[in-house]
Amino acid sequence: RTGIPLQDNRIFDFDSMPRHWLNHDAYLTHMFNTPSLVAPQLEGLMTYMVSRALPEVKEDKLKHECERFLQEEANHGRQHARYNQALRQQGYEVASISKRVT
């Protein structure tokens, strides 16, 4: 067993997500929406760096954990993309906000 557990690959239903999904509170919802707008860029950077370093990893256990991390981040990235698409469909300016962090 490794130190990094893999999450299950559950699929969340973002299509039926209400606009103010957190206790029907716009402020709290936006506080939790915001990290998703920048997460794809941060996750892309992390996976790029780990992928570049992976050929240099000699320890089998660490190499395995890096590979599992990359798998998990790929799944996580797909979920953020779907979530951000749901925000776009609700009228949020996802693209203009995301561009500010690239």
C-alpha atoms as a PDB file:
ATOM      1  CA  ARG A   1       0.000   0.000   0.000  1.00  0.00           C
ATOM      2  CA  THR A   2       1.261   3.460  -0.867  1.00  0.00           C
ATOM      3  CA  GLY A   3       1.044   6.692   1.075  1.00  0.00           C
ATOM      4  CA  ILE A   4      -1.228   8.320  -1.524  1.00  0.00           C
ATOM      5  CA  PRO A   5      -4.661   6.704  -1.686  1.00  0.00           C
ATOM      6  CA  LEU A   6      -6.468   6.853  -5.006  1.00  0.00           C
ATOM      7  CA  GLN A   7      -9.900   8.369  -4.839  1.00  0.00           C
ATOM      8  CA  ASP A   8     -12.719   6.583  -6.535  1.00  0.00           C
ATOM      9  CA  ASN A   9     -13.624   7.860  -9.968  1.00  0.00           C
ATOM     10  CA  ARG A  10     -17.084   9.032  -9.029  1.00  0.00           C
ATOM     11  CA  ILE A  11     -18.815  11.301 -11.451  1.00  0.00           C
ATOM     12  CA  PHE A  12     -20.599  14.275  -9.972  1.00  0.00           C
ATOM     13  CA  ASP A  13     -23.823  15.585 -11.466  1.00  0.00           C
ATOM     14  CA  PHE A  14     -22.923  19.193 -12.194  1.00  0.00           C
ATOM     15  CA  ASP A  15     -25.712  19.586 -14.747  1.00  0.00           C
ATOM     16  CA  SER A  16     -28.364  19.812 -12.059  1.00  0.00           C
ATOM     17  CA  MET A  17     -26.266  21.941  -9.705  1.00  0.00           C
ATOM     18  CA  PRO A  18     -28.201  25.011  -8.527  1.00  0.00           C
ATOM     19  CA  ARG A  19     -26.526  28.372  -9.066  1.00  0.00           C
ATOM     20  CA  HIS A  20     -26.158  28.961  -5.314  1.00  0.00           C
ATOM     21  CA  TRP A  21     -25.555  25.365  -4.280  1.00  0.00           C
ATOM     22  CA  LEU A  22     -24.005  25.942  -0.835  1.00  0.00           C
ATOM     23  CA  ASN A  23     -26.857  26.586   1.610  1.00  0.00           C
ATOM     24  CA  HIS A  24     -28.523  28.748  -1.081  1.00  0.00           C
ATOM     25  CA  ASP A  25     -25.907  31.371  -0.201  1.00  0.00           C
ATOM     26  CA  ALA A  26     -24.311  33.268  -3.103  1.00  0.00           C
ATOM     27  CA  TYR A  27     -21.285  34.414  -1.077  1.00  0.00           C
ATOM     28  CA  LEU A  28     -20.411  30.951   0.265  1.00  0.00           C
ATOM     29  CA  THR A  29     -20.997  29.373  -3.135  1.00  0.00           C
ATOM     30  CA  HIS A  30     -18.642  31.832  -4.834  1.00  0.00           C
ATOM     31  CA  MET A  31     -16.026  31.235  -2.124  1.00  0.00           C
ATOM     32  CA  PHE A  32     -16.037  27.549  -3.086  1.00  0.00           C
ATOM     33  CA  ASN A  33     -16.395  28.118  -6.846  1.00  0.00           C
ATOM     34  CA  THR A  34     -13.320  30.329  -7.081  1.00  0.00           C
ATOM     35  CA  PRO A  35     -10.645  27.668  -6.431  1.00  0.00           C
ATOM     36  CA  SER A  36     -12.042  25.567  -9.270  1.00  0.00           C
ATOM     37  CA  LEU A  37     -11.389  28.409 -11.707  1.00  0.00           C
ATOM     38  CA  VAL A  38      -7.637  28.326 -11.054  1.00  0.00           C
ATOM     39  CA  ALA A  39      -7.211  24.643 -10.175  1.00  0.00           C
ATOM     40  CA  PRO A  40      -6.752  23.399 -13.766  1.00  0.00           C
ATOM     41  CA  GLN A  41      -3.743  25.671 -14.282  1.00  0.00           C
ATOM     42  CA  LEU A  42      -2.180  24.698 -10.955  1.00  0.00           C
ATOM     43  CA  GLU A  43      -2.845  21.007 -11.511  1.00  0.00           C
ATOM     44  CA  GLY A  44      -1.412  21.255 -15.019  1.00  0.00           C
ATOM     45  CA  LEU A  45       1.772  22.734 -13.617  1.00  0.00           C
ATOM     46  CA  MET A  46       2.039  20.031 -10.937  1.00  0.00           C
ATOM     47  CA  THR A  47       1.492  17.185 -13.401  1.00  0.00           C
ATOM     48  CA  TYR A  48       3.965  18.728 -15.841  1.00  0.00           C
ATOM     49  CA  MET A  49       6.628  18.958 -13.138  1.00  0.00           C
ATOM     50  CA  VAL A  50       6.055  15.427 -11.798  1.00  0.00           C
ATOM     51  CA  SER A  51       5.983  13.996 -15.337  1.00  0.00           C
ATOM     52  CA  ARG A  52       9.269  15.706 -16.166  1.00  0.00           C
ATOM     53  CA  ALA A  53      10.890  14.407 -12.964  1.00  0.00           C
ATOM     54  CA  LEU A  54       9.506  10.859 -13.228  1.00  0.00           C
ATOM     55  CA  PRO A  55      12.314   9.471 -15.438  1.00  0.00           C
ATOM     56  CA  GLU A  56      14.797  10.540 -12.751  1.00  0.00           C
ATOM     57  CA  VAL A  57      12.985   8.730  -9.908  1.00  0.00           C
ATOM     58  CA  LYS A  58      14.891   5.562  -9.090  1.00  0.00           C
ATOM     59  CA  GLU A  59      13.031   4.338  -5.999  1.00  0.00           C
ATOM     60  CA  ASP A  60      10.189   1.989  -7.030  1.00  0.00           C
ATOM     61  CA  LYS A  61       7.811   3.012  -4.252  1.00  0.00           C
ATOM     62  CA  LEU A  62       8.217   6.724  -4.991  1.00  0.00           C
ATOM     63  CA  LYS A  63       7.880   6.115  -8.752  1.00  0.00           C
ATOM     64  CA  HIS A  64       4.640   4.212  -8.128  1.00  0.00           C
ATOM     65  CA  GLU A  65       3.293   7.023  -5.933  1.00  0.00           C
ATOM     66  CA  CYS A  66       4.176   9.572  -8.625  1.00  0.00           C
ATOM     67  CA  GLU A  67       2.312   7.530 -11.218  1.00  0.00           C
ATOM     68  CA  ARG A  68      -0.720   7.234  -8.953  1.00  0.00           C
ATOM     69  CA  PHE A  69      -0.574  10.978  -8.320  1.00  0.00           C
ATOM     70  CA  LEU A  70      -0.602  11.632 -12.068  1.00  0.00           C
ATOM     71  CA  GLN A  71      -3.611   9.334 -12.516  1.00  0.00           C
ATOM     72  CA  GLU A  72      -5.500  11.034  -9.703  1.00  0.00           C
ATOM     73  CA  GLU A  73      -4.711  14.508 -11.008  1.00  0.00           C
ATOM     74  CA  ALA A  74      -5.934  13.517 -14.483  1.00  0.00           C
ATOM     75  CA  ASN A  75      -9.272  12.470 -12.974  1.00  0.00           C
ATOM     76  CA  HIS A  76      -9.356  15.565 -10.784  1.00  0.00           C
ATOM     77  CA  GLY A  77      -8.687  17.776 -13.800  1.00  0.00           C
ATOM     78  CA  ARG A  78     -11.589  16.214 -15.710  1.00  0.00           C
ATOM     79  CA  GLN A  79     -13.899  16.937 -12.779  1.00  0.00           C
ATOM     80  CA  HIS A  80     -12.766  20.582 -12.645  1.00  0.00           C
ATOM     81  CA  ALA A  81     -13.323  20.925 -16.389  1.00  0.00           C
ATOM     82  CA  ARG A  82     -16.866  19.584 -16.034  1.00  0.00           C
ATOM     83  CA  TYR A  83     -17.516  21.793 -12.996  1.00  0.00           C
ATOM     84  CA  ASN A  84     -16.210  24.889 -14.779  1.00  0.00           C
ATOM     85  CA  GLN A  85     -18.369  24.054 -17.805  1.00  0.00           C
ATOM     86  CA  ALA A  86     -21.407  23.957 -15.497  1.00  0.00           C
ATOM     87  CA  LEU A  87     -20.400  27.386 -14.161  1.00  0.00           C
ATOM     88  CA  ARG A  88     -20.157  28.691 -17.770  1.00  0.00           C
ATOM     89  CA  GLN A  89     -23.638  27.372 -18.477  1.00  0.00           C
ATOM     90  CA  GLN A  90     -24.880  29.287 -15.436  1.00  0.00           C
ATOM     91  CA  GLY A  91     -23.487  32.489 -16.921  1.00  0.00           C
ATOM     92  CA  TYR A  92     -20.219  32.865 -15.024  1.00  0.00           C
ATOM     93  CA  GLU A  93     -17.274  34.474 -16.841  1.00  0.00           C
ATOM     94  CA  VAL A  94     -15.019  31.441 -16.362  1.00  0.00           C
ATOM     95  CA  ALA A  95     -12.705  32.089 -19.318  1.00  0.00           C
ATOM     96  CA  SER A  96     -11.901  35.699 -18.432  1.00  0.00           C
ATOM     97  CA  ILE A  97     -11.159  34.775 -14.818  1.00  0.00           C
ATOM     98  CA  SER A  98      -9.058  31.728 -15.730  1.00  0.00           C
ATOM     99  CA  LYS A  99      -6.979  33.761 -18.222  1.00  0.00           C
ATOM    100  CA  ARG A 100      -5.744  35.959 -15.393  1.00  0.00           C
ATOM    101  CA  VAL A 101      -3.823  33.085 -13.838  1.00  0.00           C
ATOM    102  CA  THR A 102      -2.201  31.700 -16.975  1.00  0.00           C
END
